[in-house]
């Protein structure tokens, strides 16, 4: 239910380049990381606010929200899902997708030796 609410909120506010990373087994902090982009700080803030509003509406308020003032990167912690809403330049700089998917290749190369 929460996942669908998050996805709808992102779609409703026209979030861009949304990706999801299943981190079960990698961390005990959350199960799913959702990373998306906004076109401006105002858009980033609006997307995050919509995620918060939608979660509260179904009785699942966020555990925490960080970064709203600067709105270059707003993190919405919903427990099982953590949503990162970022400006494209911030997203590129921190490259969270690459960080969380290192070693996820289904057919890892074998090292000689």
PDB file of N, CA and C in Angstrom:
ATOM      1  N   UNK A   1       0.819  -1.186   0.000  1.00  0.00           N
ATOM      2  CA  UNK A   1       0.000   0.000   0.000  1.00  0.00           C
ATOM      3  C   UNK A   1       0.871   1.262   0.000  1.00  0.00           C
ATOM      4  N   UNK A   2       1.873   1.329   0.894  1.00  0.00           N
ATOM      5  CA  UNK A   2       2.738   2.501   0.980  1.00  0.00           C
ATOM      6  C   UNK A   2       3.487   2.728  -0.331  1.00  0.00           C
ATOM      7  N   UNK A   3       3.987   1.667  -0.928  1.00  0.00           N
ATOM      8  CA  UNK A   3       4.719   1.787  -2.181  1.00  0.00           C
ATOM      9  C   UNK A   3       3.861   2.444  -3.255  1.00  0.00           C
ATOM     10  N   UNK A   4       2.629   1.980  -3.398  1.00  0.00           N
ATOM     11  CA  UNK A   4       1.721   2.554  -4.393  1.00  0.00           C
ATOM     12  C   UNK A   4       1.437   4.025  -4.138  1.00  0.00           C
ATOM     13  N   UNK A   5       1.300   4.385  -2.878  1.00  0.00           N
ATOM     14  CA  UNK A   5       1.045   5.781  -2.502  1.00  0.00           C
ATOM     15  C   UNK A   5       2.248   6.655  -2.860  1.00  0.00           C
ATOM     16  N   UNK A   6       3.444   6.154  -2.598  1.00  0.00           N
ATOM     17  CA  UNK A   6       4.654   6.902  -2.928  1.00  0.00           C
ATOM     18  C   UNK A   6       4.773   7.085  -4.442  1.00  0.00           C
ATOM     19  N   UNK A   7       4.591   6.008  -5.183  1.00  0.00           N
ATOM     20  CA  UNK A   7       4.693   6.078  -6.645  1.00  0.00           C
ATOM     21  C   UNK A   7       3.679   7.068  -7.216  1.00  0.00           C
ATOM     22  N   UNK A   8       2.447   7.006  -6.733  1.00  0.00           N
ATOM     23  CA  UNK A   8       1.403   7.929  -7.213  1.00  0.00           C
ATOM     24  C   UNK A   8       1.756   9.375  -6.890  1.00  0.00           C
ATOM     25  N   UNK A   9       2.248   9.632  -5.696  1.00  0.00           N
ATOM     26  CA  UNK A   9       2.631  10.990  -5.313  1.00  0.00           C
ATOM     27  C   UNK A   9       3.734  11.514  -6.239  1.00  0.00           C
ATOM     28  N   UNK A  10       4.699  10.670  -6.555  1.00  0.00           N
ATOM     29  CA  UNK A  10       5.781  11.080  -7.451  1.00  0.00           C
ATOM     30  C   UNK A  10       5.253  11.351  -8.853  1.00  0.00           C
ATOM     31  N   UNK A  11       4.372  10.492  -9.325  1.00  0.00           N
ATOM     32  CA  UNK A  11       3.781  10.687 -10.647  1.00  0.00           C
ATOM     33  C   UNK A  11       2.934  11.951 -10.690  1.00  0.00           C
ATOM     34  N   UNK A  12       2.130  12.173  -9.647  1.00  0.00           N
ATOM     35  CA  UNK A  12       1.246  13.339  -9.609  1.00  0.00           C
ATOM     36  C   UNK A  12       2.017  14.653  -9.683  1.00  0.00           C
ATOM     37  N   UNK A  13       3.202  14.681  -9.085  1.00  0.00           N
ATOM     38  CA  UNK A  13       4.004  15.903  -9.076  1.00  0.00           C
ATOM     39  C   UNK A  13       5.056  15.912 -10.184  1.00  0.00           C
ATOM     40  N   UNK A  14       4.961  14.949 -11.093  1.00  0.00           N
ATOM     41  CA  UNK A  14       5.845  14.873 -12.263  1.00  0.00           C
ATOM     42  C   UNK A  14       7.328  14.802 -11.898  1.00  0.00           C
ATOM     43  N   UNK A  15       7.625  13.961 -10.921  1.00  0.00           N
ATOM     44  CA  UNK A  15       9.022  13.692 -10.574  1.00  0.00           C
ATOM     45  C   UNK A  15       9.697  13.032 -11.774  1.00  0.00           C
ATOM     46  N   UNK A  16      10.985  13.227 -11.895  1.00  0.00           N
ATOM     47  CA  UNK A  16      11.714  12.737 -13.062  1.00  0.00           C
ATOM     48  C   UNK A  16      12.711  11.649 -12.704  1.00  0.00           C
ATOM     49  N   UNK A  17      12.887  10.731 -13.648  1.00  0.00           N
ATOM     50  CA  UNK A  17      13.915   9.688 -13.552  1.00  0.00           C
ATOM     51  C   UNK A  17      13.887   8.954 -12.215  1.00  0.00           C
ATOM     52  N   UNK A  18      12.726   8.459 -11.866  1.00  0.00           N
ATOM     53  CA  UNK A  18      12.569   7.741 -10.608  1.00  0.00           C
ATOM     54  C   UNK A  18      13.161   6.342 -10.722  1.00  0.00           C
ATOM     55  N   UNK A  19      13.945   5.968  -9.723  1.00  0.00           N
ATOM     56  CA  UNK A  19      14.464   4.607  -9.674  1.00  0.00           C
ATOM     57  C   UNK A  19      14.247   4.049  -8.273  1.00  0.00           C
ATOM     58  N   UNK A  20      14.155   2.732  -8.215  1.00  0.00           N
ATOM     59  CA  UNK A  20      13.943   2.039  -6.948  1.00  0.00           C
ATOM     60  C   UNK A  20      15.049   1.020  -6.757  1.00  0.00           C
ATOM     61  N   UNK A  21      15.542   0.939  -5.523  1.00  0.00           N
ATOM     62  CA  UNK A  21      16.598  -0.020  -5.208  1.00  0.00           C
ATOM     63  C   UNK A  21      16.154  -0.827  -3.997  1.00  0.00           C
ATOM     64  N   UNK A  22      16.048  -2.126  -4.187  1.00  0.00           N
ATOM     65  CA  UNK A  22      15.705  -3.030  -3.093  1.00  0.00           C
ATOM     66  C   UNK A  22      16.974  -3.252  -2.278  1.00  0.00           C
ATOM     67  N   UNK A  23      16.966  -2.802  -1.029  1.00  0.00           N
ATOM     68  CA  UNK A  23      18.164  -2.906  -0.194  1.00  0.00           C
ATOM     69  C   UNK A  23      18.004  -3.915   0.947  1.00  0.00           C
ATOM     70  N   UNK A  24      16.974  -4.746   0.840  1.00  0.00           N
ATOM     71  CA  UNK A  24      16.844  -5.808   1.849  1.00  0.00           C
ATOM     72  C   UNK A  24      18.083  -6.688   1.763  1.00  0.00           C
ATOM     73  N   UNK A  25      18.646  -7.025   2.886  1.00  0.00           N
ATOM     74  CA  UNK A  25      19.857  -7.824   2.902  1.00  0.00           C
ATOM     75  C   UNK A  25      21.129  -6.994   2.852  1.00  0.00           C
ATOM     76  N   UNK A  26      21.004  -5.701   2.524  1.00  0.00           N
ATOM     77  CA  UNK A  26      22.165  -4.808   2.497  1.00  0.00           C
ATOM     78  C   UNK A  26      22.191  -3.890   3.708  1.00  0.00           C
ATOM     79  N   UNK A  27      21.009  -3.598   4.243  1.00  0.00           N
ATOM     80  CA  UNK A  27      20.889  -2.717   5.394  1.00  0.00           C
ATOM     81  C   UNK A  27      19.640  -3.081   6.176  1.00  0.00           C
ATOM     82  N   UNK A  28      19.672  -2.820   7.451  1.00  0.00           N
ATOM     83  CA  UNK A  28      18.484  -3.067   8.265  1.00  0.00           C
ATOM     84  C   UNK A  28      17.673  -1.789   8.447  1.00  0.00           C
ATOM     85  N   UNK A  29      18.127  -0.701   7.870  1.00  0.00           N
ATOM     86  CA  UNK A  29      17.486   0.597   8.036  1.00  0.00           C
ATOM     87  C   UNK A  29      16.170   0.690   7.269  1.00  0.00           C
ATOM     88  N   UNK A  30      16.129   0.122   6.075  1.00  0.00           N
ATOM     89  CA  UNK A  30      14.948   0.217   5.224  1.00  0.00           C
ATOM     90  C   UNK A  30      14.942  -0.952   4.242  1.00  0.00           C
ATOM     91  N   UNK A  31      13.821  -1.132   3.550  1.00  0.00           N
ATOM     92  CA  UNK A  31      13.715  -2.187   2.546  1.00  0.00           C
ATOM     93  C   UNK A  31      13.890  -1.665   1.122  1.00  0.00           C
ATOM     94  N   UNK A  32      13.438  -0.440   0.891  1.00  0.00           N
ATOM     95  CA  UNK A  32      13.423   0.102  -0.462  1.00  0.00           C
ATOM     96  C   UNK A  32      13.876   1.555  -0.443  1.00  0.00           C
ATOM     97  N   UNK A  33      14.770   1.884  -1.357  1.00  0.00           N
ATOM     98  CA  UNK A  33      15.189   3.266  -1.546  1.00  0.00           C
ATOM     99  C   UNK A  33      14.620   3.725  -2.879  1.00  0.00           C
ATOM    100  N   UNK A  34      13.932   4.852  -2.850  1.00  0.00           N
ATOM    101  CA  UNK A  34      13.394   5.458  -4.064  1.00  0.00           C
ATOM    102  C   UNK A  34      14.161   6.760  -4.274  1.00  0.00           C
ATOM    103  N   UNK A  35      14.705   6.920  -5.475  1.00  0.00           N
ATOM    104  CA  UNK A  35      15.472   8.117  -5.813  1.00  0.00           C
ATOM    105  C   UNK A  35      14.802   8.760  -7.015  1.00  0.00           C
ATOM    106  N   UNK A  36      14.566  10.066  -6.908  1.00  0.00           N
ATOM    107  CA  UNK A  36      13.903  10.774  -7.995  1.00  0.00           C
ATOM    108  C   UNK A  36      14.434  12.193  -8.066  1.00  0.00           C
ATOM    109  N   UNK A  37      14.127  12.884  -9.155  1.00  0.00           N
ATOM    110  CA  UNK A  37      14.626  14.243  -9.353  1.00  0.00           C
ATOM    111  C   UNK A  37      13.494  15.226  -9.570  1.00  0.00           C
ATOM    112  N   UNK A  38      13.767  16.458  -9.140  1.00  0.00           N
ATOM    113  CA  UNK A  38      12.895  17.593  -9.428  1.00  0.00           C
ATOM    114  C   UNK A  38      13.673  18.582 -10.272  1.00  0.00           C
ATOM    115  N   UNK A  39      12.971  19.491 -10.910  1.00  0.00           N
ATOM    116  CA  UNK A  39      13.600  20.417 -11.851  1.00  0.00           C
ATOM    117  C   UNK A  39      14.150  21.678 -11.197  1.00  0.00           C
ATOM    118  N   UNK A  40      13.731  21.953  -9.961  1.00  0.00           N
ATOM    119  CA  UNK A  40      14.167  23.144  -9.234  1.00  0.00           C
ATOM    120  C   UNK A  40      14.012  22.866  -7.742  1.00  0.00           C
ATOM    121  N   UNK A  41      14.544  23.749  -6.914  1.00  0.00           N
ATOM    122  CA  UNK A  41      14.389  23.536  -5.475  1.00  0.00           C
ATOM    123  C   UNK A  41      12.908  23.562  -5.088  1.00  0.00           C
ATOM    124  N   UNK A  42      12.140  24.412  -5.725  1.00  0.00           N
ATOM    125  CA  UNK A  42      10.701  24.467  -5.442  1.00  0.00           C
ATOM    126  C   UNK A  42      10.027  23.141  -5.814  1.00  0.00           C
ATOM    127  N   UNK A  43      10.416  22.578  -6.948  1.00  0.00           N
ATOM    128  CA  UNK A  43       9.842  21.313  -7.400  1.00  0.00           C
ATOM    129  C   UNK A  43      10.252  20.175  -6.455  1.00  0.00           C
ATOM    130  N   UNK A  44      11.531  20.147  -6.062  1.00  0.00           N
ATOM    131  CA  UNK A  44      12.008  19.127  -5.122  1.00  0.00           C
ATOM    132  C   UNK A  44      11.196  19.192  -3.829  1.00  0.00           C
ATOM    133  N   UNK A  45      11.031  20.387  -3.287  1.00  0.00           N
ATOM    134  CA  UNK A  45      10.280  20.570  -2.044  1.00  0.00           C
ATOM    135  C   UNK A  45       8.825  20.127  -2.220  1.00  0.00           C
ATOM    136  N   UNK A  46       8.227  20.479  -3.336  1.00  0.00           N
ATOM    137  CA  UNK A  46       6.826  20.112  -3.595  1.00  0.00           C
ATOM    138  C   UNK A  46       6.643  18.603  -3.710  1.00  0.00           C
ATOM    139  N   UNK A  47       7.571  17.943  -4.370  1.00  0.00           N
ATOM    140  CA  UNK A  47       7.499  16.478  -4.504  1.00  0.00           C
ATOM    141  C   UNK A  47       7.569  15.839  -3.118  1.00  0.00           C
ATOM    142  N   UNK A  48       8.557  16.255  -2.329  1.00  0.00           N
ATOM    143  CA  UNK A  48       8.715  15.697  -0.985  1.00  0.00           C
ATOM    144  C   UNK A  48       7.471  15.966  -0.138  1.00  0.00           C
ATOM    145  N   UNK A  49       6.936  17.175  -0.223  1.00  0.00           N
ATOM    146  CA  UNK A  49       5.727  17.517   0.537  1.00  0.00           C
ATOM    147  C   UNK A  49       4.554  16.635   0.139  1.00  0.00           C
ATOM    148  N   UNK A  50       4.441  16.324  -1.142  1.00  0.00           N
ATOM    149  CA  UNK A  50       3.350  15.473  -1.613  1.00  0.00           C
ATOM    150  C   UNK A  50       3.509  14.039  -1.108  1.00  0.00           C
ATOM    151  N   UNK A  51       4.732  13.547  -1.064  1.00  0.00           N
ATOM    152  CA  UNK A  51       4.989  12.209  -0.512  1.00  0.00           C
ATOM    153  C   UNK A  51       4.571  12.179   0.957  1.00  0.00           C
ATOM    154  N   UNK A  52       4.956  13.196   1.708  1.00  0.00           N
ATOM    155  CA  UNK A  52       4.601  13.286   3.130  1.00  0.00           C
ATOM    156  C   UNK A  52       3.085  13.339   3.294  1.00  0.00           C
ATOM    157  N   UNK A  53       2.433  14.209   2.534  1.00  0.00           N
ATOM    158  CA  UNK A  53       0.975  14.365   2.624  1.00  0.00           C
ATOM    159  C   UNK A  53       0.259  13.050   2.313  1.00  0.00           C
ATOM    160  N   UNK A  54       0.693  12.380   1.255  1.00  0.00           N
ATOM    161  CA  UNK A  54       0.050  11.133   0.839  1.00  0.00           C
ATOM    162  C   UNK A  54       0.246  10.037   1.894  1.00  0.00           C
ATOM    163  N   UNK A  55       1.429   9.970   2.483  1.00  0.00           N
ATOM    164  CA  UNK A  55       1.690   8.965   3.515  1.00  0.00           C
ATOM    165  C   UNK A  55       0.849   9.241   4.759  1.00  0.00           C
ATOM    166  N   UNK A  56       0.756  10.493   5.152  1.00  0.00           N
ATOM    167  CA  UNK A  56      -0.065  10.854   6.315  1.00  0.00           C
ATOM    168  C   UNK A  56      -1.529  10.507   6.077  1.00  0.00           C
ATOM    169  N   UNK A  57      -1.974  10.699   4.850  1.00  0.00           N
ATOM    170  CA  UNK A  57      -3.374  10.439   4.501  1.00  0.00           C
ATOM    171  C   UNK A  57      -3.756   8.975   4.722  1.00  0.00           C
ATOM    172  N   UNK A  58      -2.799   8.065   4.569  1.00  0.00           N
ATOM    173  CA  UNK A  58      -3.100   6.642   4.800  1.00  0.00           C
ATOM    174  C   UNK A  58      -2.666   6.195   6.198  1.00  0.00           C
ATOM    175  N   UNK A  59      -2.343   7.168   7.041  1.00  0.00           N
ATOM    176  CA  UNK A  59      -2.011   6.847   8.419  1.00  0.00           C
ATOM    177  C   UNK A  59      -0.587   6.395   8.656  1.00  0.00           C
ATOM    178  N   UNK A  60       0.313   6.712   7.721  1.00  0.00           N
ATOM    179  CA  UNK A  60       1.718   6.319   7.849  1.00  0.00           C
ATOM    180  C   UNK A  60       2.618   7.554   7.730  1.00  0.00           C
ATOM    181  N   UNK A  61       2.582   8.423   8.731  1.00  0.00           N
ATOM    182  CA  UNK A  61       3.400   9.642   8.655  1.00  0.00           C
ATOM    183  C   UNK A  61       4.887   9.308   8.646  1.00  0.00           C
ATOM    184  N   UNK A  62       5.700  10.170   8.059  1.00  0.00           N
ATOM    185  CA  UNK A  62       7.131   9.888   7.989  1.00  0.00           C
ATOM    186  C   UNK A  62       7.781   9.894   9.372  1.00  0.00           C
ATOM    187  N   UNK A  63       8.828   9.103   9.485  1.00  0.00           N
ATOM    188  CA  UNK A  63       9.642   9.090  10.693  1.00  0.00           C
ATOM    189  C   UNK A  63      10.443  10.382  10.763  1.00  0.00           C
ATOM    190  N   UNK A  64      10.854  10.857   9.596  1.00  0.00           N
ATOM    191  CA  UNK A  64      11.608  12.103   9.535  1.00  0.00           C
ATOM    192  C   UNK A  64      11.702  12.633   8.130  1.00  0.00           C
ATOM    193  N   UNK A  65      11.936  13.934   8.030  1.00  0.00           N
ATOM    194  CA  UNK A  65      12.143  14.595   6.744  1.00  0.00           C
ATOM    195  C   UNK A  65      13.341  15.518   6.928  1.00  0.00           C
ATOM    196  N   UNK A  66      14.309  15.430   6.037  1.00  0.00           N
ATOM    197  CA  UNK A  66      15.523  16.235   6.129  1.00  0.00           C
ATOM    198  C   UNK A  66      15.767  16.970   4.821  1.00  0.00           C
ATOM    199  N   UNK A  67      16.311  18.182   4.916  1.00  0.00           N
ATOM    200  CA  UNK A  67      16.759  18.921   3.742  1.00  0.00           C
ATOM    201  C   UNK A  67      15.739  19.841   3.113  1.00  0.00           C
ATOM    202  N   UNK A  68      14.612  20.056   3.776  1.00  0.00           N
ATOM    203  CA  UNK A  68      13.557  20.880   3.169  1.00  0.00           C
ATOM    204  C   UNK A  68      13.973  22.340   2.973  1.00  0.00           C
ATOM    205  N   UNK A  69      14.779  22.858   3.851  1.00  0.00           N
ATOM    206  CA  UNK A  69      15.142  24.278   3.757  1.00  0.00           C
ATOM    207  C   UNK A  69      15.907  24.563   2.467  1.00  0.00           C
ATOM    208  N   UNK A  70      16.980  23.802   2.220  1.00  0.00           N
ATOM    209  CA  UNK A  70      17.778  24.034   1.015  1.00  0.00           C
ATOM    210  C   UNK A  70      17.113  23.434  -0.214  1.00  0.00           C
ATOM    211  N   UNK A  71      16.465  22.291  -0.031  1.00  0.00           N
ATOM    212  CA  UNK A  71      15.697  21.596  -1.076  1.00  0.00           C
ATOM    213  C   UNK A  71      16.518  21.221  -2.303  1.00  0.00           C
ATOM    214  N   UNK A  72      17.810  20.984  -2.107  1.00  0.00           N
ATOM    215  CA  UNK A  72      18.606  20.406  -3.178  1.00  0.00           C
ATOM    216  C   UNK A  72      18.539  18.889  -3.089  1.00  0.00           C
ATOM    217  N   UNK A  73      18.291  18.395  -1.860  1.00  0.00           N
ATOM    218  CA  UNK A  73      18.158  16.966  -1.592  1.00  0.00           C
ATOM    219  C   UNK A  73      17.265  16.839  -0.365  1.00  0.00           C
ATOM    220  N   UNK A  74      16.067  16.347  -0.584  1.00  0.00           N
ATOM    221  CA  UNK A  74      15.142  16.135   0.535  1.00  0.00           C
ATOM    222  C   UNK A  74      14.967  14.637   0.722  1.00  0.00           C
ATOM    223  N   UNK A  75      15.176  14.179   1.946  1.00  0.00           N
ATOM    224  CA  UNK A  75      15.029  12.781   2.297  1.00  0.00           C
ATOM    225  C   UNK A  75      13.748  12.633   3.110  1.00  0.00           C
ATOM    226  N   UNK A  76      12.887  11.710   2.684  1.00  0.00           N
ATOM    227  CA  UNK A  76      11.660  11.409   3.412  1.00  0.00           C
ATOM    228  C   UNK A  76      11.767   9.960   3.883  1.00  0.00           C
ATOM    229  N   UNK A  77      11.875   9.783   5.198  1.00  0.00           N
ATOM    230  CA  UNK A  77      12.016   8.455   5.791  1.00  0.00           C
ATOM    231  C   UNK A  77      10.642   7.938   6.198  1.00  0.00           C
ATOM    232  N   UNK A  78      10.171   6.944   5.464  1.00  0.00           N
ATOM    233  CA  UNK A  78       8.866   6.340   5.737  1.00  0.00           C
ATOM    234  C   UNK A  78       9.009   4.964   6.376  1.00  0.00           C
ATOM    235  N   UNK A  79      10.187   4.675   6.908  1.00  0.00           N
ATOM    236  CA  UNK A  79      10.417   3.373   7.536  1.00  0.00           C
ATOM    237  C   UNK A  79      10.827   2.339   6.510  1.00  0.00           C
ATOM    238  N   UNK A  80       9.861   1.609   5.973  1.00  0.00           N
ATOM    239  CA  UNK A  80      10.162   0.573   4.974  1.00  0.00           C
ATOM    240  C   UNK A  80      10.643   1.152   3.649  1.00  0.00           C
ATOM    241  N   UNK A  81      10.334   2.413   3.412  1.00  0.00           N
ATOM    242  CA  UNK A  81      10.739   3.090   2.173  1.00  0.00           C
ATOM    243  C   UNK A  81      11.393   4.422   2.552  1.00  0.00           C
ATOM    244  N   UNK A  82      12.550   4.687   1.960  1.00  0.00           N
ATOM    245  CA  UNK A  82      13.198   5.986   2.112  1.00  0.00           C
ATOM    246  C   UNK A  82      13.223   6.630   0.733  1.00  0.00           C
ATOM    247  N   UNK A  83      12.670   7.837   0.650  1.00  0.00           N
ATOM    248  CA  UNK A  83      12.571   8.549  -0.624  1.00  0.00           C
ATOM    249  C   UNK A  83      13.591   9.688  -0.630  1.00  0.00           C
ATOM    250  N   UNK A  84      14.408   9.727  -1.686  1.00  0.00           N
ATOM    251  CA  UNK A  84      15.374  10.801  -1.890  1.00  0.00           C
ATOM    252  C   UNK A  84      14.888  11.605  -3.092  1.00  0.00           C
ATOM    253  N   UNK A  85      14.596  12.889  -2.880  1.00  0.00           N
ATOM    254  CA  UNK A  85      14.196  13.777  -3.969  1.00  0.00           C
ATOM    255  C   UNK A  85      15.334  14.775  -4.133  1.00  0.00           C
ATOM    256  N   UNK A  86      15.916  14.802  -5.329  1.00  0.00           N
ATOM    257  CA  UNK A  86      17.148  15.564  -5.525  1.00  0.00           C
ATOM    258  C   UNK A  86      17.113  16.403  -6.798  1.00  0.00           C
ATOM    259  N   UNK A  87      17.880  17.496  -6.770  1.00  0.00           N
ATOM    260  CA  UNK A  87      18.154  18.204  -8.011  1.00  0.00           C
ATOM    261  C   UNK A  87      19.068  17.321  -8.853  1.00  0.00           C
ATOM    262  N   UNK A  88      18.970  17.392 -10.167  1.00  0.00           N
ATOM    263  CA  UNK A  88      19.811  16.530 -11.015  1.00  0.00           C
ATOM    264  C   UNK A  88      21.301  16.640 -10.718  1.00  0.00           C
ATOM    265  N   UNK A  89      21.814  17.851 -10.499  1.00  0.00           N
ATOM    266  CA  UNK A  89      23.264  17.997 -10.247  1.00  0.00           C
ATOM    267  C   UNK A  89      23.652  17.357  -8.920  1.00  0.00           C
ATOM    268  N   UNK A  90      22.786  17.437  -7.922  1.00  0.00           N
ATOM    269  CA  UNK A  90      23.053  16.824  -6.621  1.00  0.00           C
ATOM    270  C   UNK A  90      23.015  15.305  -6.755  1.00  0.00           C
ATOM    271  N   UNK A  91      22.045  14.825  -7.500  1.00  0.00           N
ATOM    272  CA  UNK A  91      21.901  13.386  -7.713  1.00  0.00           C
ATOM    273  C   UNK A  91      23.119  12.826  -8.438  1.00  0.00           C
ATOM    274  N   UNK A  92      23.575  13.534  -9.438  1.00  0.00           N
ATOM    275  CA  UNK A  92      24.754  13.084 -10.185  1.00  0.00           C
ATOM    276  C   UNK A  92      25.987  13.080  -9.288  1.00  0.00           C
ATOM    277  N   UNK A  93      26.150  14.104  -8.475  1.00  0.00           N
ATOM    278  CA  UNK A  93      27.317  14.212  -7.607  1.00  0.00           C
ATOM    279  C   UNK A  93      27.392  13.063  -6.600  1.00  0.00           C
ATOM    280  N   UNK A  94      26.274  12.767  -5.936  1.00  0.00           N
ATOM    281  CA  UNK A  94      26.279  11.736  -4.897  1.00  0.00           C
ATOM    282  C   UNK A  94      26.099  10.325  -5.439  1.00  0.00           C
ATOM    283  N   UNK A  95      25.499  10.184  -6.588  1.00  0.00           N
ATOM    284  CA  UNK A  95      25.377   8.906  -7.288  1.00  0.00           C
ATOM    285  C   UNK A  95      24.929   7.758  -6.377  1.00  0.00           C
ATOM    286  N   UNK A  96      23.807   7.961  -5.689  1.00  0.00           N
ATOM    287  CA  UNK A  96      23.304   6.951  -4.758  1.00  0.00           C
ATOM    288  C   UNK A  96      22.988   5.625  -5.442  1.00  0.00           C
ATOM    289  N   UNK A  97      22.501   5.679  -6.672  1.00  0.00           N
ATOM    290  CA  UNK A  97      22.196   4.432  -7.381  1.00  0.00           C
ATOM    291  C   UNK A  97      23.432   3.559  -7.484  1.00  0.00           C
ATOM    292  N   UNK A  98      24.545   4.159  -7.846  1.00  0.00           N
ATOM    293  CA  UNK A  98      25.779   3.391  -7.987  1.00  0.00           C
ATOM    294  C   UNK A  98      26.254   2.888  -6.626  1.00  0.00           C
ATOM    295  N   UNK A  99      26.149   3.720  -5.618  1.00  0.00           N
ATOM    296  CA  UNK A  99      26.573   3.342  -4.270  1.00  0.00           C
ATOM    297  C   UNK A  99      25.825   2.107  -3.768  1.00  0.00           C
ATOM    298  N   UNK A 100      24.491   2.082  -3.953  1.00  0.00           N
ATOM    299  CA  UNK A 100      23.670   0.996  -3.412  1.00  0.00           C
ATOM    300  C   UNK A 100      23.616  -0.239  -4.300  1.00  0.00           C
ATOM    301  N   UNK A 101      24.115  -0.153  -5.540  1.00  0.00           N
ATOM    302  CA  UNK A 101      24.029  -1.314  -6.424  1.00  0.00           C
ATOM    303  C   UNK A 101      25.392  -1.931  -6.720  1.00  0.00           C
ATOM    304  N   UNK A 102      26.440  -1.457  -6.076  1.00  0.00           N
ATOM    305  CA  UNK A 102      27.766  -2.044  -6.259  1.00  0.00           C
ATOM    306  C   UNK A 102      27.697  -3.526  -5.895  1.00  0.00           C
ATOM    307  N   UNK A 103      28.167  -4.367  -6.784  1.00  0.00           N
ATOM    308  CA  UNK A 103      28.186  -5.800  -6.523  1.00  0.00           C
ATOM    309  C   UNK A 103      26.887  -6.518  -6.825  1.00  0.00           C
ATOM    310  N   UNK A 104      25.919  -5.828  -7.425  1.00  0.00           N
ATOM    311  CA  UNK A 104      24.623  -6.436  -7.713  1.00  0.00           C
ATOM    312  C   UNK A 104      24.557  -7.149  -9.050  1.00  0.00           C
ATOM    313  N   UNK A 105      25.627  -7.172  -9.808  1.00  0.00           N
ATOM    314  CA  UNK A 105      25.632  -7.809 -11.116  1.00  0.00           C
ATOM    315  C   UNK A 105      25.210  -9.271 -10.971  1.00  0.00           C
ATOM    316  N   UNK A 106      24.236  -9.690 -11.777  1.00  0.00           N
ATOM    317  CA  UNK A 106      23.752 -11.069 -11.698  1.00  0.00           C
ATOM    318  C   UNK A 106      24.828 -12.080 -12.080  1.00  0.00           C
ATOM    319  N   UNK A 107      25.743 -11.661 -12.927  1.00  0.00           N
ATOM    320  CA  UNK A 107      26.810 -12.549 -13.373  1.00  0.00           C
ATOM    321  C   UNK A 107      28.150 -11.877 -13.088  1.00  0.00           C
ATOM    322  N   UNK A 108      28.562 -11.865 -11.833  1.00  0.00           N
ATOM    323  CA  UNK A 108      29.805 -11.173 -11.505  1.00  0.00           C
ATOM    324  C   UNK A 108      31.009 -11.801 -12.199  1.00  0.00           C
ATOM    325  N   UNK A 109      31.945 -10.960 -12.549  1.00  0.00           N
ATOM    326  CA  UNK A 109      33.167 -11.469 -13.175  1.00  0.00           C
ATOM    327  C   UNK A 109      33.978 -12.208 -12.124  1.00  0.00           C
ATOM    328  N   UNK A 110      34.554 -13.313 -12.549  1.00  0.00           N
ATOM    329  CA  UNK A 110      35.396 -14.068 -11.636  1.00  0.00           C
ATOM    330  C   UNK A 110      36.822 -13.558 -11.762  1.00  0.00           C
ATOM    331  N   UNK A 111      37.472 -13.388 -10.615  1.00  0.00           N
ATOM    332  CA  UNK A 111      38.850 -12.932 -10.630  1.00  0.00           C
ATOM    333  C   UNK A 111      39.783 -14.121 -10.800  1.00  0.00           C
ATOM    334  N   UNK A 112      40.782 -13.942 -11.649  1.00  0.00           N
ATOM    335  CA  UNK A 112      41.783 -14.995 -11.840  1.00  0.00           C
ATOM    336  C   UNK A 112      42.676 -15.066 -10.612  1.00  0.00           C
ATOM    337  N   UNK A 113      43.074 -16.281 -10.282  1.00  0.00           N
ATOM    338  CA  UNK A 113      44.013 -16.374  -9.182  1.00  0.00           C
ATOM    339  C   UNK A 113      43.602 -17.370  -8.260  1.00  0.00           C
TER     340      UNK A 113
END
